[in-house]
Amino acid sequence: PDHWRLADGGLEIRVEPGVADTVLNALCRPAPDRNEGAFA
């Protein structure tokens, strides 16, 4: 929580060491159901 903030209409995240499997501060949400069409 010390390495992300909301500021002036944006989300700012500090780039920390790590790779795909160890990334810190990844902001996730459920993806749309791809069986229902194409999404952007």
All heavy atoms as atom14 arrays in JSON, in Angstrom:
{
  "sequence": "PDHWRLADGGLEIRVEPGVADTVLNALCRPAPDRNEGAFA",
  "atom14_mask": [
    [1, 1, 1, 1, 1, 1, 1, 0, 0, 0, 0, 0, 0, 0],
    [1, 1, 1, 1, 1, 1, 1, 1, 0, 0, 0, 0, 0, 0],
    [1, 1, 1, 1, 1, 1, 1, 1, 1, 1, 0, 0, 0, 0],
    [1, 1, 1, 1, 1, 1, 1, 1, 1, 1, 1, 1, 1, 1],
    [1, 1, 1, 1, 1, 1, 1, 1, 1, 1, 1, 0, 0, 0],
    [1, 1, 1, 1, 1, 1, 1, 1, 0, 0, 0, 0, 0, 0],
    [1, 1, 1, 1, 1, 0, 0, 0, 0, 0, 0, 0, 0, 0],
    [1, 1, 1, 1, 1, 1, 1, 1, 0, 0, 0, 0, 0, 0],
    [1, 1, 1, 1, 0, 0, 0, 0, 0, 0, 0, 0, 0, 0],
    [1, 1, 1, 1, 0, 0, 0, 0, 0, 0, 0, 0, 0, 0],
    [1, 1, 1, 1, 1, 1, 1, 1, 0, 0, 0, 0, 0, 0],
    [1, 1, 1, 1, 1, 1, 1, 1, 1, 0, 0, 0, 0, 0],
    [1, 1, 1, 1, 1, 1, 1, 1, 0, 0, 0, 0, 0, 0],
    [1, 1, 1, 1, 1, 1, 1, 1, 1, 1, 1, 0, 0, 0],
    [1, 1, 1, 1, 1, 1, 1, 0, 0, 0, 0, 0, 0, 0],
    [1, 1, 1, 1, 1, 1, 1, 1, 1, 0, 0, 0, 0, 0],
    [1, 1, 1, 1, 1, 1, 1, 0, 0, 0, 0, 0, 0, 0],
    [1, 1, 1, 1, 0, 0, 0, 0, 0, 0, 0, 0, 0, 0],
    [1, 1, 1, 1, 1, 1, 1, 0, 0, 0, 0, 0, 0, 0],
    [1, 1, 1, 1, 1, 0, 0, 0, 0, 0, 0, 0, 0, 0],
    [1, 1, 1, 1, 1, 1, 1, 1, 0, 0, 0, 0, 0, 0],
    [1, 1, 1, 1, 1, 1, 1, 0, 0, 0, 0, 0, 0, 0],
    [1, 1, 1, 1, 1, 1, 1, 0, 0, 0, 0, 0, 0, 0],
    [1, 1, 1, 1, 1, 1, 1, 1, 0, 0, 0, 0, 0, 0],
    [1, 1, 1, 1, 1, 1, 1, 1, 0, 0, 0, 0, 0, 0],
    [1, 1, 1, 1, 1, 0, 0, 0, 0, 0, 0, 0, 0, 0],
    [1, 1, 1, 1, 1, 1, 1, 1, 0, 0, 0, 0, 0, 0],
    [1, 1, 1, 1, 1, 1, 0, 0, 0, 0, 0, 0, 0, 0],
    [1, 1, 1, 1, 1, 1, 1, 1, 1, 1, 1, 0, 0, 0],
    [1, 1, 1, 1, 1, 1, 1, 0, 0, 0, 0, 0, 0, 0],
    [1, 1, 1, 1, 1, 0, 0, 0, 0, 0, 0, 0, 0, 0],
    [1, 1, 1, 1, 1, 1, 1, 0, 0, 0, 0, 0, 0, 0],
    [1, 1, 1, 1, 1, 1, 1, 1, 0, 0, 0, 0, 0, 0],
    [1, 1, 1, 1, 1, 1, 1, 1, 1, 1, 1, 0, 0, 0],
    [1, 1, 1, 1, 1, 1, 1, 1, 0, 0, 0, 0, 0, 0],
    [1, 1, 1, 1, 1, 1, 1, 1, 1, 0, 0, 0, 0, 0],
    [1, 1, 1, 1, 0, 0, 0, 0, 0, 0, 0, 0, 0, 0],
    [1, 1, 1, 1, 1, 0, 0, 0, 0, 0, 0, 0, 0, 0],
    [1, 1, 1, 1, 1, 1, 1, 1, 1, 1, 1, 0, 0, 0],
    [1, 1, 1, 1, 1, 0, 0, 0, 0, 0, 0, 0, 0, 0]
  ],
  "atom14_positions": [
    [[0.79, -1.24, 0.0], [0.0, 0.0, 0.0], [0.82, 1.29, 0.0], [0.31, 2.34, -0.38], [-0.86, -0.12, 1.26], [-0.26, -1.18, 2.09], [0.54, -2.06, 1.18], [0.0, 0.0, 0.0], [0.0, 0.0, 0.0], [0.0, 0.0, 0.0], [0.0, 0.0, 0.0], [0.0, 0.0, 0.0], [0.0, 0.0, 0.0], [0.0, 0.0, 0.0]],
    [[2.09, 1.22, 0.4], [2.93, 2.41, 0.37], [3.46, 2.72, -1.02], [4.08, 3.77, -1.22], [4.12, 2.24, 1.32], [3.69, 2.18, 2.77], [2.64, 2.76, 3.12], [4.42, 1.55, 3.57], [0.0, 0.0, 0.0], [0.0, 0.0, 0.0], [0.0, 0.0, 0.0], [0.0, 0.0, 0.0], [0.0, 0.0, 0.0], [0.0, 0.0, 0.0]],
    [[3.24, 1.82, -1.97], [3.81, 1.99, -3.31], [2.76, 2.11, -4.4], [3.01, 1.75, -5.55], [4.79, 0.86, -3.61], [6.04, 0.95, -2.77], [7.03, 0.02, -2.82], [6.45, 1.87, -1.88], [7.99, 0.36, -1.98], [7.66, 1.47, -1.41], [0.0, 0.0, 0.0], [0.0, 0.0, 0.0], [0.0, 0.0, 0.0], [0.0, 0.0, 0.0]],
    [[1.57, 2.6, -4.05], [0.59, 3.0, -5.04], [-0.22, 4.16, -4.46], [-0.33, 4.32, -3.26], [-0.3, 1.84, -5.49], [-1.33, 1.37, -4.49], [-1.17, 0.38, -3.57], [-2.66, 1.87, -4.33], [-2.31, 0.23, -2.83], [-3.26, 1.12, -3.28], [-3.41, 2.85, -4.95], [-4.56, 1.34, -2.85], [-4.72, 3.07, -4.53], [-5.28, 2.32, -3.5]],
    [[-0.75, 4.98, -5.39], [-1.54, 6.14, -4.97], [-2.46, 6.57, -6.11], [-2.17, 6.32, -7.28], [-0.61, 7.28, -4.56], [0.28, 7.74, -5.71], [1.36, 8.7, -5.26], [2.23, 9.05, -6.38], [3.53, 9.18, -6.29], [4.15, 9.0, -5.13], [4.25, 9.51, -7.34], [0.0, 0.0, 0.0], [0.0, 0.0, 0.0], [0.0, 0.0, 0.0]],
    [[-3.53, 7.24, -5.72], [-4.41, 7.9, -6.69], [-4.07, 9.38, -6.64], [-4.01, 9.96, -5.56], [-5.88, 7.66, -6.35], [-6.34, 6.22, -6.47], [-7.7, 6.03, -5.84], [-6.37, 5.79, -7.93], [0.0, 0.0, 0.0], [0.0, 0.0, 0.0], [0.0, 0.0, 0.0], [0.0, 0.0, 0.0], [0.0, 0.0, 0.0], [0.0, 0.0, 0.0]],
    [[-3.83, 9.97, -7.83], [-3.44, 11.38, -7.87], [-3.91, 12.02, -9.16], [-3.63, 11.51, -10.25], [-1.92, 11.5, -7.74], [0.0, 0.0, 0.0], [0.0, 0.0, 0.0], [0.0, 0.0, 0.0], [0.0, 0.0, 0.0], [0.0, 0.0, 0.0], [0.0, 0.0, 0.0], [0.0, 0.0, 0.0], [0.0, 0.0, 0.0], [0.0, 0.0, 0.0]],
    [[-4.65, 13.11, -9.04], [-5.03, 13.93, -10.2], [-5.65, 13.1, -11.32], [-5.28, 13.25, -12.49], [-3.83, 14.72, -10.72], [-3.23, 15.62, -9.65], [-3.99, 16.26, -8.91], [-1.98, 15.67, -9.55], [0.0, 0.0, 0.0], [0.0, 0.0, 0.0], [0.0, 0.0, 0.0], [0.0, 0.0, 0.0], [0.0, 0.0, 0.0], [0.0, 0.0, 0.0]],
    [[-6.59, 12.23, -11.0], [-7.29, 11.45, -12.02], [-6.45, 10.34, -12.63], [-6.64, 9.99, -13.8], [0.0, 0.0, 0.0], [0.0, 0.0, 0.0], [0.0, 0.0, 0.0], [0.0, 0.0, 0.0], [0.0, 0.0, 0.0], [0.0, 0.0, 0.0], [0.0, 0.0, 0.0], [0.0, 0.0, 0.0], [0.0, 0.0, 0.0], [0.0, 0.0, 0.0]],
    [[-5.55, 9.78, -11.86], [-4.74, 8.66, -12.35], [-4.3, 7.76, -11.22], [-4.32, 8.16, -10.05], [0.0, 0.0, 0.0], [0.0, 0.0, 0.0], [0.0, 0.0, 0.0], [0.0, 0.0, 0.0], [0.0, 0.0, 0.0], [0.0, 0.0, 0.0], [0.0, 0.0, 0.0], [0.0, 0.0, 0.0], [0.0, 0.0, 0.0], [0.0, 0.0, 0.0]],
    [[-3.93, 6.55, -11.56], [-3.37, 5.59, -10.62], [-1.87, 5.55, -10.85], [-1.43, 5.35, -11.99], [-3.97, 4.2, -10.84], [-3.3, 3.04, -10.11], [-3.47, 3.17, -8.59], [-3.85, 1.71, -10.61], [0.0, 0.0, 0.0], [0.0, 0.0, 0.0], [0.0, 0.0, 0.0], [0.0, 0.0, 0.0], [0.0, 0.0, 0.0], [0.0, 0.0, 0.0]],
    [[-1.09, 5.74, -9.8], [0.36, 5.71, -9.91], [0.89, 4.55, -9.07], [0.51, 4.4, -7.9], [0.96, 7.04, -9.46], [0.48, 8.18, -10.35], [0.94, 9.55, -9.91], [1.45, 9.69, -8.77], [0.78, 10.5, -10.7], [0.0, 0.0, 0.0], [0.0, 0.0, 0.0], [0.0, 0.0, 0.0], [0.0, 0.0, 0.0], [0.0, 0.0, 0.0]],
    [[1.73, 3.72, -9.7], [2.3, 2.55, -9.03], [3.82, 2.62, -9.16], [4.34, 2.89, -10.24], [1.78, 1.24, -9.67], [0.25, 1.14, -9.57], [2.44, 0.03, -9.0], [-0.35, -0.07, -10.27], [0.0, 0.0, 0.0], [0.0, 0.0, 0.0], [0.0, 0.0, 0.0], [0.0, 0.0, 0.0], [0.0, 0.0, 0.0], [0.0, 0.0, 0.0]],
    [[4.49, 2.38, -8.05], [5.96, 2.34, -8.07], [6.41, 1.05, -8.75], [5.9, -0.03, -8.46], [6.52, 2.4, -6.66], [8.03, 2.46, -6.66], [8.56, 2.68, -5.28], [10.01, 2.55, -5.3], [10.76, 2.7, -4.22], [10.21, 3.01, -3.06], [12.06, 2.56, -4.31], [0.0, 0.0, 0.0], [0.0, 0.0, 0.0], [0.0, 0.0, 0.0]],
    [[7.36, 1.17, -9.68], [7.9, 0.01, -10.38], [8.93, -0.65, -9.47], [10.0, -0.09, -9.23], [8.56, 0.41, -11.72], [8.91, -0.83, -12.51], [7.66, 1.33, -12.52], [0.0, 0.0, 0.0], [0.0, 0.0, 0.0], [0.0, 0.0, 0.0], [0.0, 0.0, 0.0], [0.0, 0.0, 0.0], [0.0, 0.0, 0.0], [0.0, 0.0, 0.0]],
    [[8.58, -1.82, -8.97], [9.45, -2.52, -8.04], [10.12, -3.7, -8.73], [9.67, -4.15, -9.78], [8.63, -3.0, -6.84], [8.02, -1.83, -6.07], [7.38, -2.24, -4.79], [8.13, -2.57, -3.85], [6.14, -2.24, -4.72], [0.0, 0.0, 0.0], [0.0, 0.0, 0.0], [0.0, 0.0, 0.0], [0.0, 0.0, 0.0], [0.0, 0.0, 0.0]],
    [[11.21, -4.21, -8.13], [11.82, -5.42, -8.69], [10.8, -6.56, -8.69], [9.88, -6.57, -7.88], [12.97, -5.71, -7.73], [13.28, -4.38, -7.09], [11.95, -3.69, -6.98], [0.0, 0.0, 0.0], [0.0, 0.0, 0.0], [0.0, 0.0, 0.0], [0.0, 0.0, 0.0], [0.0, 0.0, 0.0], [0.0, 0.0, 0.0], [0.0, 0.0, 0.0]],
    [[10.99, -7.49, -9.57], [10.1, -8.65, -9.66], [9.84, -8.98, -11.11], [10.23, -8.23, -12.02], [0.0, 0.0, 0.0], [0.0, 0.0, 0.0], [0.0, 0.0, 0.0], [0.0, 0.0, 0.0], [0.0, 0.0, 0.0], [0.0, 0.0, 0.0], [0.0, 0.0, 0.0], [0.0, 0.0, 0.0], [0.0, 0.0, 0.0], [0.0, 0.0, 0.0]],
    [[9.2, -10.12, -11.31], [8.85, -10.58, -12.66], [7.37, -10.98, -12.65], [6.68, -10.79, -11.66], [9.76, -11.74, -13.11], [11.2, -11.27, -13.29], [9.7, -12.89, -12.12], [0.0, 0.0, 0.0], [0.0, 0.0, 0.0], [0.0, 0.0, 0.0], [0.0, 0.0, 0.0], [0.0, 0.0, 0.0], [0.0, 0.0, 0.0], [0.0, 0.0, 0.0]],
    [[6.91, -11.56, -13.74], [5.49, -11.85, -13.91], [4.88, -12.63, -12.75], [3.77, -12.35, -12.31], [5.26, -12.6, -15.22], [0.0, 0.0, 0.0], [0.0, 0.0, 0.0], [0.0, 0.0, 0.0], [0.0, 0.0, 0.0], [0.0, 0.0, 0.0], [0.0, 0.0, 0.0], [0.0, 0.0, 0.0], [0.0, 0.0, 0.0], [0.0, 0.0, 0.0]],
    [[5.61, -13.62, -12.22], [5.06, -14.46, -11.16], [5.23, -13.87, -9.75], [4.69, -14.41, -8.79], [5.69, -15.85, -11.19], [5.28, -16.64, -12.42], [4.18, -16.39, -12.95], [6.06, -17.5, -12.85], [0.0, 0.0, 0.0], [0.0, 0.0, 0.0], [0.0, 0.0, 0.0], [0.0, 0.0, 0.0], [0.0, 0.0, 0.0], [0.0, 0.0, 0.0]],
    [[6.0, -12.77, -9.64], [6.25, -12.19, -8.32], [5.9, -10.7, -8.27], [6.22, -10.04, -7.29], [7.73, -12.37, -7.91], [8.56, -11.67, -8.85], [8.11, -13.84, -7.84], [0.0, 0.0, 0.0], [0.0, 0.0, 0.0], [0.0, 0.0, 0.0], [0.0, 0.0, 0.0], [0.0, 0.0, 0.0], [0.0, 0.0, 0.0], [0.0, 0.0, 0.0]],
    [[5.26, -10.19, -9.31], [4.94, -8.77, -9.4], [4.21, -8.29, -8.14], [3.38, -9.0, -7.59], [4.09, -8.48, -10.67], [2.77, -9.23, -10.64], [3.85, -6.99, -10.84], [0.0, 0.0, 0.0], [0.0, 0.0, 0.0], [0.0, 0.0, 0.0], [0.0, 0.0, 0.0], [0.0, 0.0, 0.0], [0.0, 0.0, 0.0], [0.0, 0.0, 0.0]],
    [[4.58, -7.09, -7.69], [3.9, -6.45, -6.57], [2.92, -5.42, -7.11], [3.14, -4.82, -8.16], [4.91, -5.76, -5.65], [5.98, -6.65, -5.04], [6.99, -5.81, -4.26], [5.36, -7.71, -4.14], [0.0, 0.0, 0.0], [0.0, 0.0, 0.0], [0.0, 0.0, 0.0], [0.0, 0.0, 0.0], [0.0, 0.0, 0.0], [0.0, 0.0, 0.0]],
    [[1.85, -5.19, -6.37], [0.87, -4.16, -6.71], [0.28, -4.34, -8.11], [0.13, -3.38, -8.86], [1.45, -2.76, -6.55], [1.5, -2.33, -5.11], [0.74, -2.82, -4.27], [2.39, -1.42, -4.79], [0.0, 0.0, 0.0], [0.0, 0.0, 0.0], [0.0, 0.0, 0.0], [0.0, 0.0, 0.0], [0.0, 0.0, 0.0], [0.0, 0.0, 0.0]],
    [[-0.07, -5.56, -8.46], [-0.82, -5.8, -9.69], [-2.29, -5.57, -9.36], [-2.83, -6.19, -8.44], [-0.6, -7.22, -10.2], [0.0, 0.0, 0.0], [0.0, 0.0, 0.0], [0.0, 0.0, 0.0], [0.0, 0.0, 0.0], [0.0, 0.0, 0.0], [0.0, 0.0, 0.0], [0.0, 0.0, 0.0], [0.0, 0.0, 0.0], [0.0, 0.0, 0.0]],
    [[-2.93, -4.67, -10.07], [-4.34, -4.36, -9.85], [-5.16, -5.21, -10.81], [-5.05, -5.05, -12.03], [-4.6, -2.88, -10.05], [-5.99, -2.39, -9.68], [-6.31, -2.65, -8.21], [-6.13, -0.91, -10.0], [0.0, 0.0, 0.0], [0.0, 0.0, 0.0], [0.0, 0.0, 0.0], [0.0, 0.0, 0.0], [0.0, 0.0, 0.0], [0.0, 0.0, 0.0]],
    [[-5.96, -6.13, -10.26], [-6.67, -7.13, -11.07], [-8.18, -6.98, -10.95], [-8.69, -6.49, -9.95], [-6.31, -8.54, -10.6], [-4.57, -8.94, -10.65], [0.0, 0.0, 0.0], [0.0, 0.0, 0.0], [0.0, 0.0, 0.0], [0.0, 0.0, 0.0], [0.0, 0.0, 0.0], [0.0, 0.0, 0.0], [0.0, 0.0, 0.0], [0.0, 0.0, 0.0]],
    [[-8.85, -7.47, -11.99], [-10.31, -7.54, -11.95], [-10.76, -8.68, -12.84], [-10.03, -9.08, -13.75], [-10.96, -6.23, -12.35], [-10.76, -5.79, -13.77], [-11.58, -4.55, -14.11], [-12.98, -4.72, -13.82], [-13.61, -4.25, -12.74], [-12.98, -3.54, -11.85], [-14.89, -4.47, -12.56], [0.0, 0.0, 0.0], [0.0, 0.0, 0.0], [0.0, 0.0, 0.0]],
    [[-11.96, -9.22, -12.58], [-12.47, -10.28, -13.46], [-12.56, -9.79, -14.9], [-12.99, -8.66, -15.16], [-13.86, -10.58, -12.89], [-13.81, -10.1, -11.47], [-12.88, -8.92, -11.48], [0.0, 0.0, 0.0], [0.0, 0.0, 0.0], [0.0, 0.0, 0.0], [0.0, 0.0, 0.0], [0.0, 0.0, 0.0], [0.0, 0.0, 0.0], [0.0, 0.0, 0.0]],
    [[-12.14, -10.63, -15.82], [-12.21, -10.3, -17.24], [-13.59, -10.64, -17.77], [-14.29, -11.48, -17.2], [-11.14, -11.07, -18.01], [0.0, 0.0, 0.0], [0.0, 0.0, 0.0], [0.0, 0.0, 0.0], [0.0, 0.0, 0.0], [0.0, 0.0, 0.0], [0.0, 0.0, 0.0], [0.0, 0.0, 0.0], [0.0, 0.0, 0.0], [0.0, 0.0, 0.0]],
    [[-13.99, -10.03, -18.87], [-15.27, -10.4, -19.47], [-15.21, -11.82, -20.01], [-14.13, -12.35, -20.29], [-15.43, -9.38, -20.6], [-14.06, -8.88, -20.89], [-13.29, -8.99, -19.62], [0.0, 0.0, 0.0], [0.0, 0.0, 0.0], [0.0, 0.0, 0.0], [0.0, 0.0, 0.0], [0.0, 0.0, 0.0], [0.0, 0.0, 0.0], [0.0, 0.0, 0.0]],
    [[-16.37, -12.44, -20.14], [-16.47, -13.81, -20.65], [-16.2, -13.8, -22.15], [-17.03, -13.36, -22.94], [-17.85, -14.38, -20.36], [-18.0, -15.83, -20.77], [-17.1, -16.37, -21.47], [-19.02, -16.43, -20.41], [0.0, 0.0, 0.0], [0.0, 0.0, 0.0], [0.0, 0.0, 0.0], [0.0, 0.0, 0.0], [0.0, 0.0, 0.0], [0.0, 0.0, 0.0]],
    [[-15.03, -14.31, -22.54], [-14.63, -14.3, -23.96], [-15.53, -15.15, -24.83], [-15.54, -15.0, -26.05], [-13.19, -14.79, -24.09], [-12.19, -13.86, -23.44], [-10.77, -14.34, -23.66], [-10.4, -15.39, -22.73], [-9.72, -16.48, -23.05], [-9.34, -16.69, -24.29], [-9.4, -17.37, -22.14], [0.0, 0.0, 0.0], [0.0, 0.0, 0.0], [0.0, 0.0, 0.0]],
    [[-16.3, -16.05, -24.24], [-17.24, -16.85, -25.04], [-18.43, -16.02, -25.51], [-19.19, -16.47, -26.36], [-17.74, -18.06, -24.23], [-16.66, -19.09, -24.04], [-15.91, -19.4, -24.97], [-16.54, -19.61, -22.83], [0.0, 0.0, 0.0], [0.0, 0.0, 0.0], [0.0, 0.0, 0.0], [0.0, 0.0, 0.0], [0.0, 0.0, 0.0], [0.0, 0.0, 0.0]],
    [[-18.57, -14.8, -24.98], [-19.69, -13.93, -25.34], [-19.32, -12.9, -26.41], [-20.1, -12.0, -26.68], [-20.24, -13.25, -24.1], [-20.87, -14.22, -23.12], [-21.43, -13.53, -21.89], [-21.46, -12.29, -21.84], [-21.85, -14.26, -20.98], [0.0, 0.0, 0.0], [0.0, 0.0, 0.0], [0.0, 0.0, 0.0], [0.0, 0.0, 0.0], [0.0, 0.0, 0.0]],
    [[-18.13, -12.99, -26.98], [-17.76, -12.05, -28.03], [-16.35, -11.54, -27.89], [-15.54, -12.06, -27.12], [0.0, 0.0, 0.0], [0.0, 0.0, 0.0], [0.0, 0.0, 0.0], [0.0, 0.0, 0.0], [0.0, 0.0, 0.0], [0.0, 0.0, 0.0], [0.0, 0.0, 0.0], [0.0, 0.0, 0.0], [0.0, 0.0, 0.0], [0.0, 0.0, 0.0]],
    [[-16.06, -10.49, -28.64], [-14.74, -9.85, -28.62], [-14.8, -8.64, -27.69], [-15.8, -7.91, -27.65], [-14.35, -9.42, -30.02], [0.0, 0.0, 0.0], [0.0, 0.0, 0.0], [0.0, 0.0, 0.0], [0.0, 0.0, 0.0], [0.0, 0.0, 0.0], [0.0, 0.0, 0.0], [0.0, 0.0, 0.0], [0.0, 0.0, 0.0], [0.0, 0.0, 0.0]],
    [[-13.7, -8.43, -26.95], [-13.62, -7.34, -26.0], [-12.3, -6.6, -26.15], [-11.29, -7.2, -26.53], [-13.74, -7.89, -24.56], [-15.05, -8.51, -24.26], [-15.27, -9.86, -24.53], [-16.09, -7.75, -23.74], [-16.5, -10.44, -24.27], [-17.32, -8.33, -23.47], [-17.53, -9.68, -23.74], [0.0, 0.0, 0.0], [0.0, 0.0, 0.0], [0.0, 0.0, 0.0]],
    [[-12.32, -5.32, -25.83], [-11.11, -4.49, -25.83], [-10.86, -4.01, -24.4], [-11.79, -3.52, -23.75], [-11.26, -3.31, -26.77], [0.0, 0.0, 0.0], [0.0, 0.0, 0.0], [0.0, 0.0, 0.0], [0.0, 0.0, 0.0], [0.0, 0.0, 0.0], [0.0, 0.0, 0.0], [0.0, 0.0, 0.0], [0.0, 0.0, 0.0], [0.0, 0.0, 0.0]]
  ]
}
